[in-house]
Amino acid sequence: MTQPAKPADVSVDPSAGKKLQTMLAAEMQQVESWLAKAGELSQRAPLGRNPVGEAMAAKFADRAGDGGSALAGVLKPYKQVLQQAHDAVVAAMDMYQSTEHHAVSSLKAAAGTEV
């Protein structure tokens, strides 16, 4: 059984935060590349001017398009989640740095040294 974390058990590592930001940004770029390729795939393939060829071309284009279970339809929400995670890490790191700066300033002021 796991135990809940206590405040003393949690710390913020700025280098780990930067690494996480970099990883999330790289993943978003990869998803952007996949979305561009999905756009290319959603073009109708030249499978002939007959009912079967046209039906298959439409089916393949739909699978790459924006529909719910289509490739681009799945990748777009994934990219949004990655962006939200990236923004949350950036905000957490900014808050940490601001809090740390404020704490140092307060301690220096209390000790009577210059900030």
PDB file of N, CA and C in Angstrom:
ATOM      1  N   MET A   1       0.845  -1.185   0.000  1.00  0.00           N
ATOM      2  CA  MET A   1       0.000   0.000   0.000  1.00  0.00           C
ATOM      3  C   MET A   1       0.889   1.246   0.000  1.00  0.00           C
ATOM      4  N   THR A   2       0.511   2.227  -0.809  1.00  0.00           N
ATOM      5  CA  THR A   2       1.300   3.457  -0.870  1.00  0.00           C
ATOM      6  C   THR A   2       0.788   4.449   0.162  1.00  0.00           C
ATOM      7  N   GLN A   3       1.696   5.273   0.615  1.00  0.00           N
ATOM      8  CA  GLN A   3       1.361   6.316   1.587  1.00  0.00           C
ATOM      9  C   GLN A   3       1.297   7.658   0.869  1.00  0.00           C
ATOM     10  N   PRO A   4       0.407   8.537   1.301  1.00  0.00           N
ATOM     11  CA  PRO A   4       0.349   9.862   0.670  1.00  0.00           C
ATOM     12  C   PRO A   4       1.630  10.648   0.964  1.00  0.00           C
ATOM     13  N   ALA A   5       1.983  11.522   0.029  1.00  0.00           N
ATOM     14  CA  ALA A   5       3.183  12.338   0.201  1.00  0.00           C
ATOM     15  C   ALA A   5       2.939  13.403   1.258  1.00  0.00           C
ATOM     16  N   LYS A   6       3.972  13.674   2.033  1.00  0.00           N
ATOM     17  CA  LYS A   6       3.942  14.754   3.019  1.00  0.00           C
ATOM     18  C   LYS A   6       4.678  15.948   2.416  1.00  0.00           C
ATOM     19  N   PRO A   7       4.394  17.159   2.874  1.00  0.00           N
ATOM     20  CA  PRO A   7       5.078  18.322   2.298  1.00  0.00           C
ATOM     21  C   PRO A   7       6.601  18.190   2.292  1.00  0.00           C
ATOM     22  N   ALA A   8       7.181  17.601   3.303  1.00  0.00           N
ATOM     23  CA  ALA A   8       8.629  17.456   3.346  1.00  0.00           C
ATOM     24  C   ALA A   8       9.142  16.448   2.314  1.00  0.00           C
ATOM     25  N   ASP A   9       8.253  15.604   1.806  1.00  0.00           N
ATOM     26  CA  ASP A   9       8.653  14.590   0.826  1.00  0.00           C
ATOM     27  C   ASP A   9       8.688  15.123  -0.600  1.00  0.00           C
ATOM     28  N   VAL A  10       8.124  16.295  -0.831  1.00  0.00           N
ATOM     29  CA  VAL A  10       7.989  16.833  -2.179  1.00  0.00           C
ATOM     30  C   VAL A  10       8.995  17.965  -2.374  1.00  0.00           C
ATOM     31  N   SER A  11       9.704  17.917  -3.490  1.00  0.00           N
ATOM     32  CA  SER A  11      10.621  19.002  -3.816  1.00  0.00           C
ATOM     33  C   SER A  11      10.531  19.280  -5.307  1.00  0.00           C
ATOM     34  N   VAL A  12      10.998  20.447  -5.699  1.00  0.00           N
ATOM     35  CA  VAL A  12      10.979  20.835  -7.101  1.00  0.00           C
ATOM     36  C   VAL A  12      12.419  20.904  -7.583  1.00  0.00           C
ATOM     37  N   ASP A  13      12.699  20.182  -8.650  1.00  0.00           N
ATOM     38  CA  ASP A  13      14.027  20.184  -9.247  1.00  0.00           C
ATOM     39  C   ASP A  13      13.947  20.988 -10.537  1.00  0.00           C
ATOM     40  N   PRO A  14      14.523  22.187 -10.555  1.00  0.00           N
ATOM     41  CA  PRO A  14      14.425  23.023 -11.759  1.00  0.00           C
ATOM     42  C   PRO A  14      14.945  22.336 -13.025  1.00  0.00           C
ATOM     43  N   SER A  15      16.008  21.553 -12.902  1.00  0.00           N
ATOM     44  CA  SER A  15      16.528  20.884 -14.102  1.00  0.00           C
ATOM     45  C   SER A  15      15.550  19.820 -14.597  1.00  0.00           C
ATOM     46  N   ALA A  16      14.877  19.135 -13.679  1.00  0.00           N
ATOM     47  CA  ALA A  16      13.873  18.144 -14.081  1.00  0.00           C
ATOM     48  C   ALA A  16      12.684  18.843 -14.742  1.00  0.00           C
ATOM     49  N   GLY A  17      12.301  20.009 -14.231  1.00  0.00           N
ATOM     50  CA  GLY A  17      11.213  20.769 -14.844  1.00  0.00           C
ATOM     51  C   GLY A  17      11.556  21.202 -16.253  1.00  0.00           C
ATOM     52  N   LYS A  18      12.779  21.683 -16.453  1.00  0.00           N
ATOM     53  CA  LYS A  18      13.221  22.081 -17.794  1.00  0.00           C
ATOM     54  C   LYS A  18      13.246  20.876 -18.730  1.00  0.00           C
ATOM     55  N   LYS A  19      13.712  19.726 -18.223  1.00  0.00           N
ATOM     56  CA  LYS A  19      13.764  18.518 -19.042  1.00  0.00           C
ATOM     57  C   LYS A  19      12.355  18.102 -19.450  1.00  0.00           C
ATOM     58  N   LEU A  20      11.406  18.187 -18.519  1.00  0.00           N
ATOM     59  CA  LEU A  20      10.017  17.840 -18.815  1.00  0.00           C
ATOM     60  C   LEU A  20       9.428  18.796 -19.844  1.00  0.00           C
ATOM     61  N   GLN A  21       9.716  20.089 -19.705  1.00  0.00           N
ATOM     62  CA  GLN A  21       9.243  21.066 -20.687  1.00  0.00           C
ATOM     63  C   GLN A  21       9.772  20.735 -22.079  1.00  0.00           C
ATOM     64  N   THR A  22      11.055  20.399 -22.155  1.00  0.00           N
ATOM     65  CA  THR A  22      11.683  20.070 -23.432  1.00  0.00           C
ATOM     66  C   THR A  22      11.050  18.819 -24.040  1.00  0.00           C
ATOM     67  N   MET A  23      10.825  17.810 -23.216  1.00  0.00           N
ATOM     68  CA  MET A  23      10.224  16.568 -23.705  1.00  0.00           C
ATOM     69  C   MET A  23       8.809  16.806 -24.228  1.00  0.00           C
ATOM     70  N   LEU A  24       8.024  17.592 -23.497  1.00  0.00           N
ATOM     71  CA  LEU A  24       6.654  17.879 -23.931  1.00  0.00           C
ATOM     72  C   LEU A  24       6.651  18.691 -25.223  1.00  0.00           C
ATOM     73  N   ALA A  25       7.556  19.662 -25.337  1.00  0.00           N
ATOM     74  CA  ALA A  25       7.637  20.467 -26.559  1.00  0.00           C
ATOM     75  C   ALA A  25       8.023  19.591 -27.753  1.00  0.00           C
ATOM     76  N   ALA A  26       8.959  18.671 -27.548  1.00  0.00           N
ATOM     77  CA  ALA A  26       9.367  17.766 -28.628  1.00  0.00           C
ATOM     78  C   ALA A  26       8.207  16.866 -29.045  1.00  0.00           C
ATOM     79  N   GLU A  27       7.440  16.377 -28.086  1.00  0.00           N
ATOM     80  CA  GLU A  27       6.296  15.524 -28.404  1.00  0.00           C
ATOM     81  C   GLU A  27       5.236  16.309 -29.174  1.00  0.00           C
ATOM     82  N   MET A  28       5.022  17.578 -28.802  1.00  0.00           N
ATOM     83  CA  MET A  28       4.053  18.400 -29.536  1.00  0.00           C
ATOM     84  C   MET A  28       4.513  18.616 -30.979  1.00  0.00           C
ATOM     85  N   GLN A  29       5.817  18.802 -31.182  1.00  0.00           N
ATOM     86  CA  GLN A  29       6.331  18.954 -32.545  1.00  0.00           C
ATOM     87  C   GLN A  29       6.123  17.668 -33.350  1.00  0.00           C
ATOM     88  N   GLN A  30       6.323  16.527 -32.693  1.00  0.00           N
ATOM     89  CA  GLN A  30       6.111  15.245 -33.370  1.00  0.00           C
ATOM     90  C   GLN A  30       4.642  15.086 -33.769  1.00  0.00           C
ATOM     91  N   VAL A  31       3.740  15.451 -32.864  1.00  0.00           N
ATOM     92  CA  VAL A  31       2.306  15.362 -33.159  1.00  0.00           C
ATOM     93  C   VAL A  31       1.953  16.305 -34.305  1.00  0.00           C
ATOM     94  N   GLU A  32       2.557  17.482 -34.323  1.00  0.00           N
ATOM     95  CA  GLU A  32       2.319  18.426 -35.416  1.00  0.00           C
ATOM     96  C   GLU A  32       2.747  17.811 -36.755  1.00  0.00           C
ATOM     97  N   SER A  33       3.856  17.111 -36.740  1.00  0.00           N
ATOM     98  CA  SER A  33       4.322  16.418 -37.949  1.00  0.00           C
ATOM     99  C   SER A  33       3.322  15.336 -38.370  1.00  0.00           C
ATOM    100  N   TRP A  34       2.843  14.577 -37.394  1.00  0.00           N
ATOM    101  CA  TRP A  34       1.854  13.538 -37.699  1.00  0.00           C
ATOM    102  C   TRP A  34       0.576  14.137 -38.255  1.00  0.00           C
ATOM    103  N   LEU A  35       0.164  15.295 -37.693  1.00  0.00           N
ATOM    104  CA  LEU A  35      -1.048  15.948 -38.194  1.00  0.00           C
ATOM    105  C   LEU A  35      -0.869  16.392 -39.652  1.00  0.00           C
ATOM    106  N   ALA A  36       0.306  16.887 -39.983  1.00  0.00           N
ATOM    107  CA  ALA A  36       0.569  17.283 -41.370  1.00  0.00           C
ATOM    108  C   ALA A  36       0.488  16.063 -42.287  1.00  0.00           C
ATOM    109  N   LYS A  37       1.050  14.950 -41.844  1.00  0.00           N
ATOM    110  CA  LYS A  37       0.996  13.729 -42.651  1.00  0.00           C
ATOM    111  C   LYS A  37      -0.438  13.205 -42.750  1.00  0.00           C
ATOM    112  N   ALA A  38      -1.207  13.347 -41.673  1.00  0.00           N
ATOM    113  CA  ALA A  38      -2.603  12.920 -41.708  1.00  0.00           C
ATOM    114  C   ALA A  38      -3.380  13.756 -42.727  1.00  0.00           C
ATOM    115  N   GLY A  39      -3.032  15.033 -42.812  1.00  0.00           N
ATOM    116  CA  GLY A  39      -3.663  15.887 -43.816  1.00  0.00           C
ATOM    117  C   GLY A  39      -3.375  15.398 -45.229  1.00  0.00           C
ATOM    118  N   GLU A  40      -2.132  14.950 -45.445  1.00  0.00           N
ATOM    119  CA  GLU A  40      -1.786  14.397 -46.755  1.00  0.00           C
ATOM    120  C   GLU A  40      -2.550  13.099 -47.013  1.00  0.00           C
ATOM    121  N   LEU A  41      -2.680  12.274 -45.972  1.00  0.00           N
ATOM    122  CA  LEU A  41      -3.379  10.994 -46.119  1.00  0.00           C
ATOM    123  C   LEU A  41      -4.875  11.173 -46.351  1.00  0.00           C
ATOM    124  N   SER A  42      -5.412  12.303 -45.897  1.00  0.00           N
ATOM    125  CA  SER A  42      -6.851  12.490 -46.041  1.00  0.00           C
ATOM    126  C   SER A  42      -7.250  12.885 -47.466  1.00  0.00           C
ATOM    127  N   GLN A  43      -6.265  13.065 -48.345  1.00  0.00           N
ATOM    128  CA  GLN A  43      -6.573  13.319 -49.751  1.00  0.00           C
ATOM    129  C   GLN A  43      -7.032  12.002 -50.376  1.00  0.00           C
ATOM    130  N   ARG A  44      -7.957  12.082 -51.257  1.00  0.00           N
ATOM    131  CA  ARG A  44      -8.473  10.863 -51.893  1.00  0.00           C
ATOM    132  C   ARG A  44      -7.407  10.232 -52.784  1.00  0.00           C
ATOM    133  N   ALA A  45      -7.155   8.980 -52.551  1.00  0.00           N
ATOM    134  CA  ALA A  45      -6.184   8.230 -53.349  1.00  0.00           C
ATOM    135  C   ALA A  45      -6.764   7.941 -54.730  1.00  0.00           C
ATOM    136  N   PRO A  46      -5.929   7.986 -55.756  1.00  0.00           N
ATOM    137  CA  PRO A  46      -6.413   7.698 -57.114  1.00  0.00           C
ATOM    138  C   PRO A  46      -6.554   6.187 -57.323  1.00  0.00           C
ATOM    139  N   LEU A  47      -7.671   5.650 -56.888  1.00  0.00           N
ATOM    140  CA  LEU A  47      -7.890   4.210 -56.970  1.00  0.00           C
ATOM    141  C   LEU A  47      -8.813   3.827 -58.129  1.00  0.00           C
ATOM    142  N   GLY A  48      -9.016   4.749 -59.015  1.00  0.00           N
ATOM    143  CA  GLY A  48      -9.827   4.445 -60.190  1.00  0.00           C
ATOM    144  C   GLY A  48     -11.185   5.110 -60.136  1.00  0.00           C
ATOM    145  N   ARG A  49     -11.736   5.287 -61.324  1.00  0.00           N
ATOM    146  CA  ARG A  49     -13.060   5.911 -61.439  1.00  0.00           C
ATOM    147  C   ARG A  49     -14.101   4.823 -61.598  1.00  0.00           C
ATOM    148  N   ASN A  50     -14.259   4.068 -60.552  1.00  0.00           N
ATOM    149  CA  ASN A  50     -15.283   3.032 -60.521  1.00  0.00           C
ATOM    150  C   ASN A  50     -15.847   3.028 -59.108  1.00  0.00           C
ATOM    151  N   PRO A  51     -17.002   2.462 -58.905  1.00  0.00           N
ATOM    152  CA  PRO A  51     -17.632   2.530 -57.582  1.00  0.00           C
ATOM    153  C   PRO A  51     -16.757   1.975 -56.447  1.00  0.00           C
ATOM    154  N   VAL A  52     -16.059   0.881 -56.680  1.00  0.00           N
ATOM    155  CA  VAL A  52     -15.224   0.292 -55.631  1.00  0.00           C
ATOM    156  C   VAL A  52     -14.030   1.190 -55.327  1.00  0.00           C
ATOM    157  N   GLY A  53     -13.343   1.664 -56.372  1.00  0.00           N
ATOM    158  CA  GLY A  53     -12.186   2.541 -56.183  1.00  0.00           C
ATOM    159  C   GLY A  53     -12.555   3.824 -55.480  1.00  0.00           C
ATOM    160  N   GLU A  54     -13.665   4.416 -55.865  1.00  0.00           N
ATOM    161  CA  GLU A  54     -14.103   5.658 -55.224  1.00  0.00           C
ATOM    162  C   GLU A  54     -14.532   5.427 -53.779  1.00  0.00           C
ATOM    163  N   ALA A  55     -15.191   4.314 -53.519  1.00  0.00           N
ATOM    164  CA  ALA A  55     -15.602   4.003 -52.142  1.00  0.00           C
ATOM    165  C   ALA A  55     -14.384   3.770 -51.250  1.00  0.00           C
ATOM    166  N   MET A  56     -13.397   3.057 -51.755  1.00  0.00           N
ATOM    167  CA  MET A  56     -12.192   2.795 -50.969  1.00  0.00           C
ATOM    168  C   MET A  56     -11.404   4.089 -50.734  1.00  0.00           C
ATOM    169  N   ALA A  57     -11.306   4.936 -51.757  1.00  0.00           N
ATOM    170  CA  ALA A  57     -10.605   6.212 -51.611  1.00  0.00           C
ATOM    171  C   ALA A  57     -11.283   7.068 -50.539  1.00  0.00           C
ATOM    172  N   ALA A  58     -12.609   7.088 -50.548  1.00  0.00           N
ATOM    173  CA  ALA A  58     -13.351   7.860 -49.541  1.00  0.00           C
ATOM    174  C   ALA A  58     -13.129   7.283 -48.152  1.00  0.00           C
ATOM    175  N   LYS A  59     -13.124   5.963 -48.047  1.00  0.00           N
ATOM    176  CA  LYS A  59     -12.934   5.304 -46.753  1.00  0.00           C
ATOM    177  C   LYS A  59     -11.550   5.622 -46.187  1.00  0.00           C
ATOM    178  N   PHE A  60     -10.514   5.549 -47.013  1.00  0.00           N
ATOM    179  CA  PHE A  60      -9.154   5.840 -46.558  1.00  0.00           C
ATOM    180  C   PHE A  60      -9.029   7.303 -46.137  1.00  0.00           C
ATOM    181  N   ALA A  61      -9.633   8.202 -46.920  1.00  0.00           N
ATOM    182  CA  ALA A  61      -9.572   9.631 -46.588  1.00  0.00           C
ATOM    183  C   ALA A  61     -10.276   9.903 -45.263  1.00  0.00           C
ATOM    184  N   ASP A  62     -11.410   9.240 -45.037  1.00  0.00           N
ATOM    185  CA  ASP A  62     -12.143   9.429 -43.780  1.00  0.00           C
ATOM    186  C   ASP A  62     -11.343   8.935 -42.574  1.00  0.00           C
ATOM    187  N   ARG A  63     -10.602   7.875 -42.728  1.00  0.00           N
ATOM    188  CA  ARG A  63      -9.819   7.316 -41.619  1.00  0.00           C
ATOM    189  C   ARG A  63      -8.686   8.239 -41.193  1.00  0.00           C
ATOM    190  N   ALA A  64      -8.191   9.075 -42.102  1.00  0.00           N
ATOM    191  CA  ALA A  64      -7.105   9.999 -41.771  1.00  0.00           C
ATOM    192  C   ALA A  64      -7.640  11.364 -41.347  1.00  0.00           C
ATOM    193  N   GLY A  65      -8.912  11.627 -41.573  1.00  0.00           N
ATOM    194  CA  GLY A  65      -9.486  12.953 -41.354  1.00  0.00           C
ATOM    195  C   GLY A  65      -9.698  13.327 -39.900  1.00  0.00           C
ATOM    196  N   ASP A  66     -10.643  14.245 -39.692  1.00  0.00           N
ATOM    197  CA  ASP A  66     -10.901  14.817 -38.370  1.00  0.00           C
ATOM    198  C   ASP A  66     -11.971  14.096 -37.563  1.00  0.00           C
ATOM    199  N   GLY A  67     -12.529  13.033 -38.074  1.00  0.00           N
ATOM    200  CA  GLY A  67     -13.588  12.325 -37.360  1.00  0.00           C
ATOM    201  C   GLY A  67     -13.122  11.808 -36.007  1.00  0.00           C
ATOM    202  N   GLY A  68     -14.066  11.433 -35.166  1.00  0.00           N
ATOM    203  CA  GLY A  68     -13.766  11.021 -33.797  1.00  0.00           C
ATOM    204  C   GLY A  68     -12.670   9.989 -33.645  1.00  0.00           C
ATOM    205  N   SER A  69     -12.711   8.904 -34.406  1.00  0.00           N
ATOM    206  CA  SER A  69     -11.683   7.879 -34.272  1.00  0.00           C
ATOM    207  C   SER A  69     -10.672   7.931 -35.414  1.00  0.00           C
ATOM    208  N   ALA A  70     -10.784   8.934 -36.295  1.00  0.00           N
ATOM    209  CA  ALA A  70      -9.827   9.099 -37.386  1.00  0.00           C
ATOM    210  C   ALA A  70      -8.505   9.613 -36.824  1.00  0.00           C
ATOM    211  N   LEU A  71      -7.449   9.455 -37.596  1.00  0.00           N
ATOM    212  CA  LEU A  71      -6.109   9.800 -37.122  1.00  0.00           C
ATOM    213  C   LEU A  71      -6.018  11.238 -36.624  1.00  0.00           C
ATOM    214  N   ALA A  72      -6.376  12.208 -37.445  1.00  0.00           N
ATOM    215  CA  ALA A  72      -6.290  13.608 -37.025  1.00  0.00           C
ATOM    216  C   ALA A  72      -7.269  13.904 -35.888  1.00  0.00           C
ATOM    217  N   GLY A  73      -8.403  13.234 -35.897  1.00  0.00           N
ATOM    218  CA  GLY A  73      -9.382  13.423 -34.829  1.00  0.00           C
ATOM    219  C   GLY A  73      -8.877  12.976 -33.473  1.00  0.00           C
ATOM    220  N   VAL A  74      -7.963  12.032 -33.457  1.00  0.00           N
ATOM    221  CA  VAL A  74      -7.359  11.551 -32.208  1.00  0.00           C
ATOM    222  C   VAL A  74      -6.144  12.400 -31.847  1.00  0.00           C
ATOM    223  N   LEU A  75      -5.371  12.803 -32.852  1.00  0.00           N
ATOM    224  CA  LEU A  75      -4.137  13.545 -32.585  1.00  0.00           C
ATOM    225  C   LEU A  75      -4.389  14.962 -32.068  1.00  0.00           C
ATOM    226  N   LYS A  76      -5.430  15.613 -32.551  1.00  0.00           N
ATOM    227  CA  LYS A  76      -5.690  16.999 -32.123  1.00  0.00           C
ATOM    228  C   LYS A  76      -5.958  17.099 -30.622  1.00  0.00           C
ATOM    229  N   PRO A  77      -6.834  16.268 -30.044  1.00  0.00           N
ATOM    230  CA  PRO A  77      -7.019  16.337 -28.583  1.00  0.00           C
ATOM    231  C   PRO A  77      -5.742  15.951 -27.819  1.00  0.00           C
ATOM    232  N   TYR A  78      -4.990  15.008 -28.357  1.00  0.00           N
ATOM    233  CA  TYR A  78      -3.729  14.620 -27.715  1.00  0.00           C
ATOM    234  C   TYR A  78      -2.772  15.806 -27.661  1.00  0.00           C
ATOM    235  N   LYS A  79      -2.690  16.546 -28.758  1.00  0.00           N
ATOM    236  CA  LYS A  79      -1.825  17.730 -28.788  1.00  0.00           C
ATOM    237  C   LYS A  79      -2.302  18.773 -27.780  1.00  0.00           C
ATOM    238  N   GLN A  80      -3.611  18.931 -27.639  1.00  0.00           N
ATOM    239  CA  GLN A  80      -4.142  19.882 -26.657  1.00  0.00           C
ATOM    240  C   GLN A  80      -3.761  19.485 -25.233  1.00  0.00           C
ATOM    241  N   VAL A  81      -3.822  18.193 -24.945  1.00  0.00           N
ATOM    242  CA  VAL A  81      -3.443  17.709 -23.612  1.00  0.00           C
ATOM    243  C   VAL A  81      -1.953  17.944 -23.371  1.00  0.00           C
ATOM    244  N   LEU A  82      -1.141  17.700 -24.386  1.00  0.00           N
ATOM    245  CA  LEU A  82       0.296  17.966 -24.252  1.00  0.00           C
ATOM    246  C   LEU A  82       0.547  19.444 -23.983  1.00  0.00           C
ATOM    247  N   GLN A  83      -0.172  20.310 -24.691  1.00  0.00           N
ATOM    248  CA  GLN A  83      -0.011  21.752 -24.486  1.00  0.00           C
ATOM    249  C   GLN A  83      -0.411  22.147 -23.067  1.00  0.00           C
ATOM    250  N   GLN A  84      -1.505  21.590 -22.582  1.00  0.00           N
ATOM    251  CA  GLN A  84      -1.942  21.883 -21.213  1.00  0.00           C
ATOM    252  C   GLN A  84      -0.908  21.415 -20.191  1.00  0.00           C
ATOM    253  N   ALA A  85      -0.338  20.232 -20.425  1.00  0.00           N
ATOM    254  CA  ALA A  85       0.689  19.719 -19.516  1.00  0.00           C
ATOM    255  C   ALA A  85       1.920  20.619 -19.553  1.00  0.00           C
ATOM    256  N   HIS A  86       2.325  21.033 -20.740  1.00  0.00           N
ATOM    257  CA  HIS A  86       3.483  21.927 -20.886  1.00  0.00           C
ATOM    258  C   HIS A  86       3.224  23.236 -20.159  1.00  0.00           C
ATOM    259  N   ASP A  87       2.041  23.810 -20.370  1.00  0.00           N
ATOM    260  CA  ASP A  87       1.688  25.070 -19.706  1.00  0.00           C
ATOM    261  C   ASP A  87       1.680  24.912 -18.189  1.00  0.00           C
ATOM    262  N   ALA A  88       1.207  23.776 -17.697  1.00  0.00           N
ATOM    263  CA  ALA A  88       1.177  23.531 -16.249  1.00  0.00           C
ATOM    264  C   ALA A  88       2.587  23.437 -15.676  1.00  0.00           C
ATOM    265  N   VAL A  89       3.480  22.787 -16.392  1.00  0.00           N
ATOM    266  CA  VAL A  89       4.873  22.684 -15.929  1.00  0.00           C
ATOM    267  C   VAL A  89       5.518  24.063 -15.928  1.00  0.00           C
ATOM    268  N   VAL A  90       5.299  24.830 -16.985  1.00  0.00           N
ATOM    269  CA  VAL A  90       5.853  26.188 -17.053  1.00  0.00           C
ATOM    270  C   VAL A  90       5.328  27.026 -15.889  1.00  0.00           C
ATOM    271  N   ALA A  91       4.035  26.958 -15.637  1.00  0.00           N
ATOM    272  CA  ALA A  91       3.441  27.731 -14.533  1.00  0.00           C
ATOM    273  C   ALA A  91       4.000  27.279 -13.185  1.00  0.00           C
ATOM    274  N   ALA A  92       4.147  25.977 -12.996  1.00  0.00           N
ATOM    275  CA  ALA A  92       4.682  25.465 -11.728  1.00  0.00           C
ATOM    276  C   ALA A  92       6.122  25.917 -11.525  1.00  0.00           C
ATOM    277  N   MET A  93       6.916  25.866 -12.576  1.00  0.00           N
ATOM    278  CA  MET A  93       8.315  26.281 -12.454  1.00  0.00           C
ATOM    279  C   MET A  93       8.409  27.789 -12.216  1.00  0.00           C
ATOM    280  N   ASP A  94       7.567  28.567 -12.874  1.00  0.00           N
ATOM    281  CA  ASP A  94       7.549  30.014 -12.651  1.00  0.00           C
ATOM    282  C   ASP A  94       7.155  30.324 -11.209  1.00  0.00           C
ATOM    283  N   MET A  95       6.134  29.618 -10.711  1.00  0.00           N
ATOM    284  CA  MET A  95       5.687  29.828  -9.328  1.00  0.00           C
ATOM    285  C   MET A  95       6.798  29.450  -8.353  1.00  0.00           C
ATOM    286  N   TYR A  96       7.464  28.356  -8.612  1.00  0.00           N
ATOM    287  CA  TYR A  96       8.556  27.912  -7.752  1.00  0.00           C
ATOM    288  C   TYR A  96       9.664  28.966  -7.714  1.00  0.00           C
ATOM    289  N   GLN A  97      10.072  29.466  -8.888  1.00  0.00           N
ATOM    290  CA  GLN A  97      11.137  30.461  -8.937  1.00  0.00           C
ATOM    291  C   GLN A  97      10.720  31.751  -8.256  1.00  0.00           C
ATOM    292  N   SER A  98       9.467  32.161  -8.442  1.00  0.00           N
ATOM    293  CA  SER A  98       8.969  33.370  -7.793  1.00  0.00           C
ATOM    294  C   SER A  98       8.942  33.207  -6.278  1.00  0.00           C
ATOM    295  N   THR A  99       8.463  32.050  -5.825  1.00  0.00           N
ATOM    296  CA  THR A  99       8.405  31.784  -4.386  1.00  0.00           C
ATOM    297  C   THR A  99       9.805  31.728  -3.786  1.00  0.00           C
ATOM    298  N   GLU A 100      10.719  31.088  -4.491  1.00  0.00           N
ATOM    299  CA  GLU A 100      12.099  30.983  -4.007  1.00  0.00           C
ATOM    300  C   GLU A 100      12.739  32.364  -3.922  1.00  0.00           C
ATOM    301  N   HIS A 101      12.528  33.188  -4.954  1.00  0.00           N
ATOM    302  CA  HIS A 101      13.078  34.539  -4.951  1.00  0.00           C
ATOM    303  C   HIS A 101      12.495  35.351  -3.791  1.00  0.00           C
ATOM    304  N   HIS A 102      11.193  35.237  -3.585  1.00  0.00           N
ATOM    305  CA  HIS A 102      10.545  35.959  -2.489  1.00  0.00           C
ATOM    306  C   HIS A 102      11.089  35.498  -1.133  1.00  0.00           C
ATOM    307  N   ALA A 103      11.277  34.191  -0.971  1.00  0.00           N
ATOM    308  CA  ALA A 103      11.797  33.665   0.292  1.00  0.00           C
ATOM    309  C   ALA A 103      13.211  34.162   0.549  1.00  0.00           C
ATOM    310  N   VAL A 104      14.044  34.173  -0.470  1.00  0.00           N
ATOM    311  CA  VAL A 104      15.421  34.661  -0.314  1.00  0.00           C
ATOM    312  C   VAL A 104      15.406  36.143   0.035  1.00  0.00           C
ATOM    313  N   SER A 105      14.575  36.908  -0.662  1.00  0.00           N
ATOM    314  CA  SER A 105      14.478  38.342  -0.383  1.00  0.00           C
ATOM    315  C   SER A 105      14.010  38.597   1.044  1.00  0.00           C
ATOM    316  N   SER A 106      13.024  37.842   1.492  1.00  0.00           N
ATOM    317  CA  SER A 106      12.492  38.001   2.840  1.00  0.00           C
ATOM    318  C   SER A 106      13.555  37.670   3.891  1.00  0.00           C
ATOM    319  N   LEU A 107      14.298  36.589   3.666  1.00  0.00           N
ATOM    320  CA  LEU A 107      15.346  36.198   4.601  1.00  0.00           C
ATOM    321  C   LEU A 107      16.460  37.242   4.657  1.00  0.00           C
ATOM    322  N   LYS A 108      16.834  37.780   3.500  1.00  0.00           N
ATOM    323  CA  LYS A 108      17.863  38.813   3.477  1.00  0.00           C
ATOM    324  C   LYS A 108      17.380  40.082   4.177  1.00  0.00           C
ATOM    325  N   ALA A 109      16.122  40.428   3.941  1.00  0.00           N
ATOM    326  CA  ALA A 109      15.551  41.613   4.596  1.00  0.00           C
ATOM    327  C   ALA A 109      15.499  41.415   6.097  1.00  0.00           C
ATOM    328  N   ALA A 110      15.127  40.224   6.538  1.00  0.00           N
ATOM    329  CA  ALA A 110      15.055  39.944   7.971  1.00  0.00           C
ATOM    330  C   ALA A 110      16.453  39.961   8.601  1.00  0.00           C
ATOM    331  N   ALA A 111      17.453  39.572   7.846  1.00  0.00           N
ATOM    332  CA  ALA A 111      18.826  39.554   8.359  1.00  0.00           C
ATOM    333  C   ALA A 111      19.468  40.931   8.251  1.00  0.00           C
ATOM    334  N   GLY A 112      18.813  41.853   7.565  1.00  0.00           N
ATOM    335  CA  GLY A 112      19.340  43.206   7.438  1.00  0.00           C
ATOM    336  C   GLY A 112      20.384  43.355   6.335  1.00  0.00           C
ATOM    337  N   THR A 113      20.439  42.397   5.440  1.00  0.00           N
ATOM    338  CA  THR A 113      21.365  42.512   4.317  1.00  0.00           C
ATOM    339  C   THR A 113      20.619  43.018   3.105  1.00  0.00           C
ATOM    340  N   GLU A 114      21.385  43.514   2.111  1.00  0.00           N
ATOM    341  CA  GLU A 114      20.737  44.026   0.905  1.00  0.00           C
ATOM    342  C   GLU A 114      20.178  42.907   0.058  1.00  0.00           C
ATOM    343  N   VAL A 115      19.107  43.237  -0.649  1.00  0.00           N
ATOM    344  CA  VAL A 115      18.457  42.258  -1.524  1.00  0.00           C
ATOM    345  C   VAL A 115      19.062  42.296  -2.895  1.00  0.00           C
TER     346      VAL A 115
END
